[in-house]
Structures are given as structure tokens and as C-alpha cells.
Amino acid sequence: MLIEDGTSARSTWTTDLPALLWRGLTSPQLTLVALLWLSGVIGLSYIIPQSPYSLDEPLAYSQWFANMPPFLWPWVDDLRALGFFQLRTSAWLRLPLALLLLHALALCASALPVAWQRTRARSEPARFLERSRDETPPALGRSLGLAVWRAAVAEHMFSNTLQQLAQDGYTVRSDPRARVGLAWRGCLGWWALCSIYLGLALLAMGLLLHSWLSRTYVLRLQPGQITSVPGLPDLALQLEETQITGNPLDPLEGVVQVRRVDAASGGEMITLPLHAGRLVGAMWWTVVDITPMVEVTARDAHRDETLELWSFVPSARAQPRARLSLSDEGDASFVSLPTRNVTLRVGRASQHGASPSQFTLSFFRGLETEPVWTAALHDGDELLFDGVRYRTSLSHDVQLRVQQGLWWVVAALGWLGVALGGVWLALRRPIWLVVRVKDEAGGCRMTIWVDTLAPHSPLPGQLRTLGRLSTGEESLDR
């Protein structure tokens, strides 16, 4: 007896170029190559800082560059030219996605007809058995072949083999006249395999089109301020209210209300939970972050007049009210009062026993690096320093991501198809057997062809017991 194991029973080498390309495109190893390539690109996108989609202006890019780790500064220009700072929208990601798409479509073209043929064979076994003349039918998984000669009556050997398969839990159909039989178990697993291939195709196509055609806008909304969306002139948003659950200085949960300021929506109010998305029109809106901010105003305590403050952020100008970040965003935490040569900085209270909602306001004179005074404050507190009355209030900015294009829905359907097919195959692996017995001189010859998706199974040992072979029987190669 001889057991052959391989991914395909059709191993004839060919020099035909289209056939070679098709064999390479349908190779199971190509799935691993494409997925490893994608995993590497996605992994690098989390290691190498990626520039946000909204950084189109030189000033915005300069600000992003200033936040880069210093060890990357010498290579920033070269890495940017190679697309390493926009990996998720560059050819580094699109090429493996295109390869995976072509590969999955080719596998679907190979697997779907075979799965359909085997489904039809279950309902119409007679027609399938009548047409089944190929010694090595198309294989979808791990193929095994057996050929054995025995000095016995062909009818007896054929019936005994099918009885053993039926006792092992296989569904058996046969044509006794032609001595051809079918046996299968978990036949829906072939459609689960097709579901994985279709899912990979949809996943690759959705991600590829999303990377190519979709547009993502990252907006920073401030209370009471109307913000327009670059690239969408008809869309303007206004942050109406932010409700924080828990510590207001460390928002982990919250709900944001945003108003669409345009004639088409009629001032529609949209409610968005933190870190959750919502489909609005043909766009997907997600509240990415809620940033605690401290609003500071300064008034001369003697003349009772408002003093103008200068923020340290780019493109800042003198304003009677400054908004400072409590999220350690560098210059965004500083503001200057030039008329008094004083710089202010907000920060989180670090003293032992400080209230969770307490923050600090530090005062620096001139170019000094150490504060001359630091006060602990709550929302709405006032304090007097060097003849100036400072009033503070706590508010929140919202970072909103707007994704235009719904190709991600196609990718989500692909993930679902891959997950469902993978779960089904994990629970039950399909097995398909074709048994043939032919008369030969002095006895009969039995061939069994098996296709299974089980990577490790006791099938070889089971095949050797079929037909109730004795130790004196001779084995032949197919």
C-alpha cells in the first residue's frame, strides 16, 4: 500500500507560462506571503509616527515635525520621500492588498466550481458517479492517494470498503455496476473555505479602495466655535456640549453633541459617544479624543480693564481669552502676558491628596525656568498675582475624525466572511473520498483519492485498514 500526500494531486510540470502564473497565483503559500507583507506594513505604521491626513499646510507639517522623536530627524526627509510616514495610504500597503485581491479571486475561481460540484453530488450522486472518470479530481486542500491490489473478488472488496466508511461516520453513495463510490464528512466545510477566500477578496478590495478613494479629515472642535471641514465646503460643525463621566481632567467616557451648521441639515444635532462611531449621511464620524482645556482671562485689578494674552501655539495672536491644554501638548500649555513680562503654564495637580478635578497655574517672570508661584485651582476659581486678576474655567476640546467613503463596509464584510469560515473549519474539517475498484489479472485493484482540510489527521492509518487487507497482499503505485 502507498500513501501520497500533497497539496494537489495534479503535479504534472508544465512550461506553459499562463499555467505557471496561474499555479503561482493559486498557491496557498502566496496567502501567507501577502498576509505577512500586510502585517509588516501595518506594524511599521505603529512604530514609525504617521502624519495625520489633515497635514497639508507647511505650518501644520512643521508642527508635526517638531513633535517627532529627535533620533528620526536626520532621516525624516528620506523616509518621507519613500512614503514611510504615510504607510496606510501609500504603495507599501496598496501593493500587497492588490496581490491579496488577485490571489483571493483566483482561489475563488478555483474553489467555487469544485464546492458547487460536490454539493450537487450530494443531491445527485448518480449523475456525479456516472461522470466521475478522473483518477485525480481537483483538490482544495491536502490530498491523499492510495492504490492497492488484492487477490479477491472486486464486488466484495468494494462493498466491504464502503461499509467500513459508513461505520466510521461517512455519508456514502455508490454505483455498484461501475464500482465507483463517494464518501464525505463535513461537506459544508468546502463552502467555509470559499467563504474565507471571498472574505479575503472583499477585505483586500475594501481596504484598497478605502486607501485609494476615501478621505479622512481630523478636526479639532472648540465650544461655541464654527469649524469648517477642509475639502467639504458645505459642511460646518459647531461643538455644543460635552458631558464627561468621571474625572473631567481624564475623560475616559463621555458624550459629545455637535451641530451641523448648514442649510441642508437645518442645524441637525448629532450625539456621539467617545471612541464610538456613527454613520452620518455617507460619512463615518468618530470622536477620537476629548482634551481638557483651561480658559484663562486676565484683568488689571486697579484699572479694571481686560489684558490681552498671547498663546505659544503657531499663528497665535493677542486675544482677551486663552485656551491652554492639560494634555501635556508642549507649547499649547503656555500663554504670555507681555505687558507684565509674565508667562503662565497650566498643568495637572501632582500634590498628594489633590482633588482629581484640580489643576495648577504656574507663573514665570522673564526668561526664568522655575515658576515664582504655583497655585492649585478648580473650575471657575480666581486668583490675584502682581496686580492682575486671573480667572480660570475648565472646558473641553473634541478631536473628531470624519471619514468620507464607505469602502470600510466592504472590508468589514470581508472580515466577517473570514471569521465565519475560520470558525466553521476550526469546528469541523471536511473530508471527501472517491473510491474505485477495477478487475485485474488474478484479483482487483482499488484506488482511493482523499481531499481534506485537516492538516494533521489519522487518515493514512485509516486508509490502510480499508478493504480488510491481509499482510500478504501486494501494494502497487498508482
Protein backbone atom coordinates (compact mmCIF):
# COMPACT_ATOMS: atom_id res chain seq x y z
CA MET A 1 0.00 0.00 0.00
CA LEU A 2 1.28 3.52 -0.84
CA ILE A 3 0.11 6.78 0.63
CA GLU A 4 0.82 10.00 -1.28
CA ASP A 5 0.46 13.35 0.46
CA GLY A 6 0.43 16.73 -1.22
CA THR A 7 -1.49 19.93 -1.75
CA SER A 8 -2.67 18.81 -5.17
CA ALA A 9 -2.95 15.51 -6.93
CA ARG A 10 -2.17 17.16 -10.29
CA SER A 11 1.58 17.55 -10.12
CA THR A 12 2.50 17.41 -13.82
CA TRP A 13 5.06 20.10 -14.61
CA THR A 14 4.27 22.38 -17.49
CA THR A 15 6.24 25.02 -19.35
CA ASP A 16 3.11 26.92 -20.39
CA LEU A 17 3.57 30.47 -18.99
CA PRO A 18 -0.13 31.19 -18.28
CA ALA A 19 -0.41 27.87 -16.50
CA LEU A 20 2.69 28.63 -14.42
CA LEU A 21 1.34 32.05 -13.50
CA TRP A 22 -2.00 30.54 -12.55
CA ARG A 23 -0.29 27.90 -10.39
CA GLY A 24 1.68 30.61 -8.63
CA LEU A 25 -1.36 32.83 -8.17
CA THR A 26 -3.38 29.99 -6.64
CA SER A 27 -0.54 28.71 -4.45
CA PRO A 28 -1.54 28.55 -0.75
CA GLN A 29 1.90 29.89 0.16
CA LEU A 30 1.03 33.17 -1.54
CA THR A 31 -1.66 33.77 1.09
CA LEU A 32 0.98 33.64 3.81
CA VAL A 33 3.34 35.92 1.86
CA ALA A 34 0.64 38.57 1.29
CA LEU A 35 -0.59 38.48 4.89
CA LEU A 36 2.96 38.71 6.28
CA TRP A 37 3.65 41.66 3.99
CA LEU A 38 0.49 43.41 5.16
CA SER A 39 1.27 42.65 8.80
CA GLY A 40 4.76 44.10 8.42
CA VAL A 41 3.49 47.32 6.83
CA ILE A 42 0.75 47.77 9.43
CA GLY A 43 3.21 47.00 12.23
CA LEU A 44 5.67 49.60 10.91
CA SER A 45 2.86 52.16 10.73
CA TYR A 46 2.51 51.86 14.51
CA ILE A 47 6.27 52.07 15.10
CA ILE A 48 7.05 54.95 12.73
CA PRO A 49 4.97 58.05 13.55
CA GLN A 50 2.42 58.58 10.79
CA SER A 51 1.43 62.11 9.74
CA PRO A 52 -2.31 62.79 10.07
CA TYR A 53 -4.31 63.07 6.88
CA SER A 54 -5.07 66.74 7.52
CA LEU A 55 -1.44 67.95 7.43
CA ASP A 56 -1.42 69.64 4.04
CA GLU A 57 -0.15 73.08 5.02
CA PRO A 58 3.59 73.70 5.61
CA LEU A 59 2.90 75.18 9.04
CA ALA A 60 0.95 72.13 10.13
CA TYR A 61 3.70 69.85 8.84
CA SER A 62 6.33 71.88 10.68
CA GLN A 63 4.40 71.49 13.90
CA TRP A 64 4.15 67.74 13.34
CA PHE A 65 7.89 67.59 12.57
CA ALA A 66 8.68 69.32 15.87
CA ASN A 67 6.90 66.50 17.73
CA MET A 68 8.95 63.79 16.01
CA PRO A 69 11.46 61.83 18.14
CA PRO A 70 14.87 63.54 17.78
CA PHE A 71 16.60 60.34 16.63
CA LEU A 72 14.43 60.38 13.47
CA TRP A 73 15.20 63.97 12.47
CA PRO A 74 18.24 63.17 10.22
CA TRP A 75 16.16 60.67 8.18
CA VAL A 76 12.81 62.45 8.09
CA ASP A 77 13.16 63.79 4.53
CA ASP A 78 14.34 60.44 3.13
CA LEU A 79 11.66 58.48 4.96
CA ARG A 80 9.01 60.93 3.85
CA ALA A 81 10.12 60.62 0.19
CA LEU A 82 9.78 56.84 0.47
CA GLY A 83 6.30 57.17 1.95
CA PHE A 84 7.16 55.75 5.38
CA PHE A 85 5.18 58.47 7.16
CA GLN A 86 2.01 57.63 5.22
CA LEU A 87 2.24 53.86 5.02
CA ARG A 88 -1.51 53.34 5.24
CA THR A 89 -2.15 55.38 2.10
CA SER A 90 0.97 54.51 0.08
CA ALA A 91 2.03 51.80 -2.36
CA TRP A 92 3.64 49.90 0.53
CA LEU A 93 0.14 48.91 1.62
CA ARG A 94 -1.66 49.01 -1.72
CA LEU A 95 0.68 46.57 -3.48
CA PRO A 96 0.17 43.67 -1.02
CA LEU A 97 -3.56 44.46 -0.94
CA ALA A 98 -3.71 44.24 -4.75
CA LEU A 99 -1.71 40.98 -4.64
CA LEU A 100 -4.03 39.54 -1.98
CA LEU A 101 -7.08 40.59 -4.02
CA LEU A 102 -5.85 38.87 -7.18
CA HIS A 103 -4.79 35.81 -5.19
CA ALA A 104 -8.13 35.51 -3.38
CA LEU A 105 -10.11 35.96 -6.61
CA ALA A 106 -8.03 33.26 -8.30
CA LEU A 107 -8.62 30.90 -5.38
CA CYS A 108 -12.35 31.65 -5.53
CA ALA A 109 -12.36 30.86 -9.25
CA SER A 110 -10.71 27.51 -8.45
CA ALA A 111 -12.66 26.59 -5.32
CA LEU A 112 -16.23 27.68 -6.08
CA PRO A 113 -16.81 25.30 -9.02
CA VAL A 114 -15.41 22.36 -7.04
CA ALA A 115 -17.53 23.20 -3.97
CA TRP A 116 -20.61 23.52 -6.16
CA GLN A 117 -19.83 20.20 -7.88
CA ARG A 118 -19.53 18.42 -4.55
CA THR A 119 -22.76 19.97 -3.30
CA ARG A 120 -24.55 18.77 -6.45
CA ALA A 121 -23.01 15.33 -5.96
CA ARG A 122 -24.68 15.05 -2.56
CA SER A 123 -28.12 15.65 -4.06
CA GLU A 124 -27.50 13.89 -7.41
CA PRO A 125 -24.87 11.21 -6.67
CA ALA A 126 -25.83 9.04 -9.66
CA ARG A 127 -25.02 11.75 -12.22
CA PHE A 128 -21.76 12.61 -10.49
CA LEU A 129 -20.68 8.97 -10.28
CA GLU A 130 -21.56 8.43 -13.90
CA ARG A 131 -19.39 11.39 -14.96
CA SER A 132 -16.58 10.73 -12.46
CA ARG A 133 -13.85 9.16 -14.58
CA ASP A 134 -10.85 11.19 -13.41
CA GLU A 135 -8.43 9.28 -11.20
CA THR A 136 -7.31 12.52 -9.51
CA PRO A 137 -10.20 15.02 -9.18
CA PRO A 138 -9.47 18.69 -8.34
CA ALA A 139 -8.20 19.12 -4.79
CA LEU A 140 -8.97 22.05 -2.50
CA GLY A 141 -6.84 21.03 0.45
CA ARG A 142 -4.48 18.26 1.48
CA SER A 143 -4.78 15.36 -0.95
CA LEU A 144 -4.02 11.71 -0.20
CA GLY A 145 -3.91 8.83 -2.64
CA LEU A 146 -4.00 5.08 -2.11
CA ALA A 147 -3.65 2.19 -4.59
CA VAL A 148 -3.80 -1.48 -3.57
CA TRP A 149 -4.02 -4.77 -5.40
CA ARG A 150 -5.74 -7.73 -3.79
CA ALA A 151 -6.41 -11.32 -4.82
CA ALA A 152 -10.12 -11.01 -4.12
CA VAL A 153 -13.44 -10.51 -5.85
CA ALA A 154 -13.86 -6.85 -6.84
CA GLU A 155 -17.50 -6.65 -5.72
CA HIS A 156 -16.66 -7.94 -2.24
CA MET A 157 -13.74 -5.57 -1.78
CA PHE A 158 -15.81 -2.61 -2.99
CA SER A 159 -18.76 -3.33 -0.67
CA ASN A 160 -16.52 -4.02 2.34
CA THR A 161 -14.69 -0.72 1.85
CA LEU A 162 -17.90 1.31 1.69
CA GLN A 163 -19.29 -0.49 4.76
CA GLN A 164 -16.19 0.44 6.75
CA LEU A 165 -16.51 4.08 5.68
CA ALA A 166 -20.18 4.13 6.69
CA GLN A 167 -19.29 2.66 10.09
CA ASP A 168 -16.67 5.43 10.54
CA GLY A 169 -19.38 8.11 10.19
CA TYR A 170 -19.08 8.95 6.49
CA THR A 171 -22.06 9.51 4.23
CA VAL A 172 -21.67 7.02 1.39
CA ARG A 173 -23.10 6.96 -2.14
CA SER A 174 -22.09 4.36 -4.74
CA ASP A 175 -22.64 2.95 -8.21
CA PRO A 176 -22.21 -0.84 -7.78
CA ARG A 177 -22.18 -1.51 -11.52
CA ALA A 178 -19.25 0.84 -12.18
CA ARG A 179 -17.81 0.09 -8.71
CA VAL A 180 -17.35 3.81 -8.00
CA GLY A 181 -18.25 5.26 -4.61
CA LEU A 182 -18.32 8.62 -2.83
CA ALA A 183 -17.87 9.26 0.89
CA TRP A 184 -17.83 12.58 2.70
CA ARG A 185 -17.98 14.15 6.10
CA GLY A 186 -18.45 17.85 6.98
CA CYS A 187 -19.15 18.75 3.37
CA LEU A 188 -20.19 22.33 4.21
CA GLY A 189 -16.55 22.95 5.12
CA TRP A 190 -15.77 23.42 1.43
CA TRP A 191 -18.13 26.39 1.38
CA ALA A 192 -16.46 27.64 4.57
CA LEU A 193 -13.17 27.55 2.67
CA CYS A 194 -14.79 29.55 -0.15
CA SER A 195 -16.11 31.97 2.48
CA ILE A 196 -12.54 32.60 3.65
CA TYR A 197 -11.37 33.25 0.09
CA LEU A 198 -14.32 35.54 -0.65
CA GLY A 199 -13.73 37.30 2.67
CA LEU A 200 -10.08 37.89 1.85
CA ALA A 201 -11.07 39.27 -1.55
CA LEU A 202 -13.64 41.65 -0.03
CA LEU A 203 -11.23 42.65 2.74
CA ALA A 204 -8.44 43.44 0.29
CA MET A 205 -10.77 45.26 -2.11
CA GLY A 206 -12.37 47.31 0.70
CA LEU A 207 -9.05 48.33 2.22
CA LEU A 208 -7.55 49.06 -1.19
CA LEU A 209 -10.44 51.27 -2.29
CA HIS A 210 -10.61 52.89 1.15
CA SER A 211 -6.91 53.75 0.95
CA TRP A 212 -7.29 54.99 -2.63
CA LEU A 213 -10.64 56.79 -2.71
CA SER A 214 -11.71 57.59 0.85
CA ARG A 215 -10.82 60.86 2.52
CA THR A 216 -10.26 61.31 6.24
CA TYR A 217 -10.48 64.67 7.99
CA VAL A 218 -9.32 65.21 11.56
CA LEU A 219 -10.94 68.25 13.16
CA ARG A 220 -10.44 69.97 16.49
CA LEU A 221 -13.71 71.42 17.74
CA GLN A 222 -13.92 74.13 20.39
CA PRO A 223 -17.04 75.09 22.32
CA GLY A 224 -19.13 77.68 20.51
CA GLN A 225 -16.78 77.91 17.52
CA ILE A 226 -17.87 77.01 14.00
CA THR A 227 -15.33 74.78 12.25
CA SER A 228 -15.40 74.11 8.52
CA VAL A 229 -14.23 70.83 7.06
CA PRO A 230 -11.38 71.17 4.51
CA GLY A 231 -12.47 69.62 1.24
CA LEU A 232 -16.14 69.70 2.24
CA PRO A 233 -17.15 73.36 1.90
CA ASP A 234 -20.84 72.61 2.52
CA LEU A 235 -20.15 71.10 5.93
CA ALA A 236 -19.58 73.24 9.03
CA LEU A 237 -19.67 71.95 12.61
CA GLN A 238 -20.19 73.56 15.99
CA LEU A 239 -19.46 71.90 19.33
CA GLU A 240 -22.50 72.48 21.52
CA GLU A 241 -21.93 70.40 24.66
CA THR A 242 -19.53 67.88 26.15
CA GLN A 243 -20.66 65.66 29.01
CA ILE A 244 -17.88 63.85 30.85
CA THR A 245 -18.40 60.78 33.02
CA GLY A 246 -15.88 60.58 35.84
CA ASN A 247 -12.76 62.70 36.18
CA PRO A 248 -13.11 65.82 33.94
CA LEU A 249 -9.31 66.05 33.63
CA ASP A 250 -9.00 62.48 32.38
CA PRO A 251 -12.05 61.79 30.21
CA LEU A 252 -12.43 58.06 29.66
CA GLU A 253 -16.15 58.19 28.93
CA GLY A 254 -18.28 60.98 27.63
CA VAL A 255 -20.89 62.15 25.16
CA VAL A 256 -20.43 64.97 22.66
CA GLN A 257 -23.17 66.96 20.95
CA VAL A 258 -22.21 68.52 17.62
CA ARG A 259 -24.44 70.69 15.45
CA ARG A 260 -24.27 70.67 11.67
CA VAL A 261 -24.39 74.31 10.61
CA ASP A 262 -25.69 74.17 7.06
CA ALA A 263 -28.95 74.78 5.26
CA ALA A 264 -29.32 71.19 4.11
CA SER A 265 -29.41 69.71 7.63
CA GLY A 266 -31.33 72.55 9.22
CA GLY A 267 -28.98 72.67 12.21
CA GLU A 268 -29.16 68.95 12.95
CA MET A 269 -27.84 67.95 16.39
CA ILE A 270 -25.65 64.85 16.39
CA THR A 271 -24.78 62.93 19.57
CA LEU A 272 -21.50 61.00 19.56
CA PRO A 273 -20.07 58.91 22.43
CA LEU A 274 -16.32 58.99 22.99
CA HIS A 275 -14.37 56.38 20.94
CA ALA A 276 -17.56 55.33 19.17
CA GLY A 277 -18.53 55.98 15.59
CA ARG A 278 -21.74 56.85 13.84
CA LEU A 279 -22.82 56.90 10.22
CA VAL A 280 -23.93 60.41 9.24
CA GLY A 281 -25.01 60.66 5.64
CA ALA A 282 -22.28 58.96 3.63
CA MET A 283 -19.60 59.69 6.24
CA TRP A 284 -18.40 57.92 9.37
CA TRP A 285 -17.90 60.22 12.36
CA THR A 286 -15.77 59.17 15.30
CA VAL A 287 -14.90 61.12 18.47
CA VAL A 288 -11.23 60.23 18.80
CA ASP A 289 -10.35 62.23 21.90
CA ILE A 290 -11.67 64.74 24.40
CA THR A 291 -8.97 67.13 25.59
CA PRO A 292 -9.36 69.05 28.89
CA MET A 293 -8.67 72.75 28.39
CA VAL A 294 -8.31 75.68 30.81
CA GLU A 295 -9.61 79.06 29.65
CA VAL A 296 -7.71 81.96 31.20
CA THR A 297 -8.65 85.65 31.24
CA ALA A 298 -6.62 88.50 32.78
CA ARG A 299 -7.90 91.87 34.10
CA ASP A 300 -5.96 94.73 35.61
CA ALA A 301 -7.09 94.81 39.25
CA HIS A 302 -6.61 98.61 39.54
CA ARG A 303 -7.97 99.93 36.22
CA ASP A 304 -10.47 97.06 35.70
CA GLU A 305 -9.55 96.57 32.04
CA THR A 306 -9.05 93.35 30.11
CA LEU A 307 -5.47 92.45 29.22
CA GLU A 308 -4.57 90.56 26.07
CA LEU A 309 -2.81 87.20 26.21
CA TRP A 310 -0.50 85.59 23.65
CA SER A 311 -0.61 81.82 23.20
CA PHE A 312 2.54 79.92 22.23
CA VAL A 313 0.84 77.88 19.50
CA PRO A 314 1.62 78.67 15.82
CA SER A 315 -0.32 81.52 14.16
CA ALA A 316 -1.44 82.82 17.55
CA ARG A 317 -2.46 86.44 18.06
CA ALA A 318 -3.32 88.58 21.03
CA GLN A 319 -6.71 87.69 22.50
CA PRO A 320 -8.58 88.52 25.69
CA ARG A 321 -9.10 84.81 26.33
CA ALA A 322 -6.55 81.99 26.03
CA ARG A 323 -7.23 78.27 25.94
CA LEU A 324 -4.47 76.10 27.41
CA SER A 325 -4.21 72.33 27.14
CA LEU A 326 -3.97 70.00 30.13
CA SER A 327 -2.78 67.07 28.00
CA ASP A 328 0.96 67.81 28.03
CA GLU A 329 0.94 69.15 24.47
CA GLY A 330 4.07 71.27 24.82
CA ASP A 331 3.60 74.91 23.82
CA ALA A 332 -0.19 74.53 23.99
CA SER A 333 0.10 74.66 27.79
CA PHE A 334 1.76 78.13 27.88
CA VAL A 335 0.46 81.68 27.47
CA SER A 336 2.22 85.02 27.82
CA LEU A 337 1.17 88.40 29.27
CA PRO A 338 3.73 90.67 27.54
CA THR A 339 2.69 93.88 29.32
CA ARG A 340 3.75 92.34 32.65
CA ASN A 341 6.59 90.15 31.33
CA VAL A 342 4.87 87.10 32.79
CA THR A 343 4.37 83.61 31.32
CA LEU A 344 1.68 81.25 32.59
CA ARG A 345 1.53 77.47 32.35
CA VAL A 346 -1.28 75.11 33.28
CA GLY A 347 -0.68 71.58 34.50
CA ARG A 348 -2.17 68.78 36.49
CA ALA A 349 -2.01 68.87 40.27
CA SER A 350 0.58 66.36 41.47
CA GLN A 351 0.42 67.03 45.19
CA HIS A 352 -0.52 64.15 47.45
CA GLY A 353 -4.22 64.25 48.27
CA ALA A 354 -5.09 66.67 45.44
CA SER A 355 -8.61 66.52 44.06
CA PRO A 356 -8.98 64.65 40.73
CA SER A 357 -10.52 67.79 39.17
CA GLN A 358 -7.78 70.11 40.45
CA PHE A 359 -5.20 71.72 38.16
CA THR A 360 -2.33 74.17 38.68
CA LEU A 361 -1.46 77.58 37.25
CA SER A 362 2.26 78.48 37.40
CA PHE A 363 3.78 81.96 36.88
CA PHE A 364 7.22 82.62 35.35
CA ARG A 365 8.98 86.00 35.15
CA GLY A 366 11.03 86.89 32.09
CA LEU A 367 13.26 84.05 30.99
CA GLU A 368 13.28 82.21 34.29
CA THR A 369 12.81 78.45 34.04
CA GLU A 370 11.43 77.98 37.54
CA PRO A 371 7.99 79.33 38.48
CA VAL A 372 7.81 82.07 41.08
CA TRP A 373 4.40 80.88 42.20
CA THR A 374 2.15 77.88 41.56
CA ALA A 375 -1.49 77.86 42.59
CA ALA A 376 -3.90 74.92 42.75
CA LEU A 377 -7.29 75.75 41.25
CA HIS A 378 -10.68 74.32 40.38
CA ASP A 379 -13.13 75.19 37.64
CA GLY A 380 -14.23 78.85 38.00
CA ASP A 381 -11.57 79.89 40.56
CA GLU A 382 -9.90 83.33 40.53
CA LEU A 383 -6.53 84.48 41.84
CA LEU A 384 -4.55 87.72 42.07
CA PHE A 385 -0.88 87.92 41.02
CA ASP A 386 1.17 91.09 40.60
CA GLY A 387 -1.88 93.35 40.30
CA VAL A 388 -3.64 91.19 37.72
CA ARG A 389 -6.75 89.17 38.44
CA TYR A 390 -6.80 85.84 36.61
CA ARG A 391 -9.96 83.84 36.15
CA THR A 392 -9.89 80.20 35.04
CA SER A 393 -12.60 77.89 33.76
CA LEU A 394 -12.47 74.27 32.64
CA SER A 395 -13.78 73.20 29.23
CA HIS A 396 -13.06 70.51 26.66
CA ASP A 397 -11.96 70.38 23.04
CA VAL A 398 -13.04 67.47 20.87
CA GLN A 399 -11.00 65.72 18.22
CA LEU A 400 -13.39 64.46 15.57
CA ARG A 401 -12.47 62.19 12.69
CA VAL A 402 -14.70 62.33 9.62
CA GLN A 403 -14.23 59.56 7.05
CA GLN A 404 -15.74 60.14 3.63
CA GLY A 405 -16.47 56.94 1.73
CA LEU A 406 -17.99 53.65 2.86
CA TRP A 407 -15.45 51.21 1.46
CA TRP A 408 -14.69 50.16 5.01
CA VAL A 409 -18.11 48.43 4.97
CA VAL A 410 -16.79 46.12 2.23
CA ALA A 411 -13.71 45.41 4.35
CA ALA A 412 -15.91 44.69 7.38
CA LEU A 413 -17.96 42.18 5.36
CA GLY A 414 -14.69 40.56 4.35
CA TRP A 415 -13.60 40.24 7.96
CA LEU A 416 -16.98 38.66 8.75
CA GLY A 417 -16.61 36.13 5.94
CA VAL A 418 -13.10 35.18 7.05
CA ALA A 419 -14.19 34.87 10.69
CA LEU A 420 -17.25 32.73 9.95
CA GLY A 421 -15.35 30.45 7.59
CA GLY A 422 -12.45 30.11 10.01
CA VAL A 423 -14.72 29.25 12.95
CA TRP A 424 -16.57 26.63 10.91
CA LEU A 425 -13.35 24.98 9.75
CA ALA A 426 -11.97 25.04 13.29
CA LEU A 427 -15.04 23.13 14.48
CA ARG A 428 -15.38 20.65 11.63
CA ARG A 429 -12.90 19.87 8.87
CA PRO A 430 -14.34 18.48 5.63
CA ILE A 431 -13.22 15.18 4.06
CA TRP A 432 -14.06 13.97 0.54
CA LEU A 433 -13.27 10.45 -0.74
CA VAL A 434 -13.63 8.80 -4.15
CA VAL A 435 -13.33 5.00 -4.20
CA ARG A 436 -12.84 2.92 -7.37
CA VAL A 437 -12.35 -0.83 -7.75
CA LYS A 438 -11.35 -2.46 -11.07
CA ASP A 439 -10.74 -6.02 -12.12
CA GLU A 440 -7.15 -7.02 -12.81
CA ALA A 441 -5.38 -10.26 -13.56
CA GLY A 442 -5.66 -12.57 -10.59
CA GLY A 443 -7.67 -10.15 -8.44
CA CYS A 444 -8.71 -6.47 -8.28
CA ARG A 445 -7.21 -3.04 -7.90
CA MET A 446 -8.69 -0.42 -5.54
CA THR A 447 -7.83 3.29 -5.64
CA ILE A 448 -8.96 5.81 -3.07
CA TRP A 449 -8.49 9.53 -3.53
CA VAL A 450 -8.98 11.81 -0.49
CA ASP A 451 -9.23 15.60 -0.19
CA THR A 452 -9.26 17.11 3.30
CA LEU A 453 -8.56 20.41 5.05
CA ALA A 454 -7.27 18.71 8.19
CA PRO A 455 -3.51 19.49 8.40
CA HIS A 456 -2.87 16.53 10.70
CA SER A 457 -5.26 13.65 10.66
CA PRO A 458 -5.17 9.87 11.21
CA LEU A 459 -6.38 9.35 7.63
CA PRO A 460 -3.26 7.48 6.37
CA GLY A 461 -3.66 4.88 9.08
CA GLN A 462 -7.39 4.60 8.43
CA LEU A 463 -6.86 4.19 4.71
CA ARG A 464 -4.52 1.25 5.27
CA THR A 465 -7.32 -0.65 7.03
CA LEU A 466 -9.90 -0.19 4.29
CA GLY A 467 -10.78 -3.33 2.32
CA ARG A 468 -9.67 -5.52 5.26
CA LEU A 469 -6.25 -6.13 3.77
CA SER A 470 -4.11 -9.02 4.92
CA THR A 471 -0.36 -8.99 5.41
CA GLY A 472 0.25 -10.99 2.26
CA GLU A 473 -1.40 -8.53 -0.09
CA GLU A 474 0.69 -6.65 -2.55
CA SER A 475 0.81 -2.87 -2.85
CA LEU A 476 1.14 -1.00 -6.11
CA ASP A 477 1.94 2.60 -7.01
CA ARG A 478 -0.76 4.45 -8.88
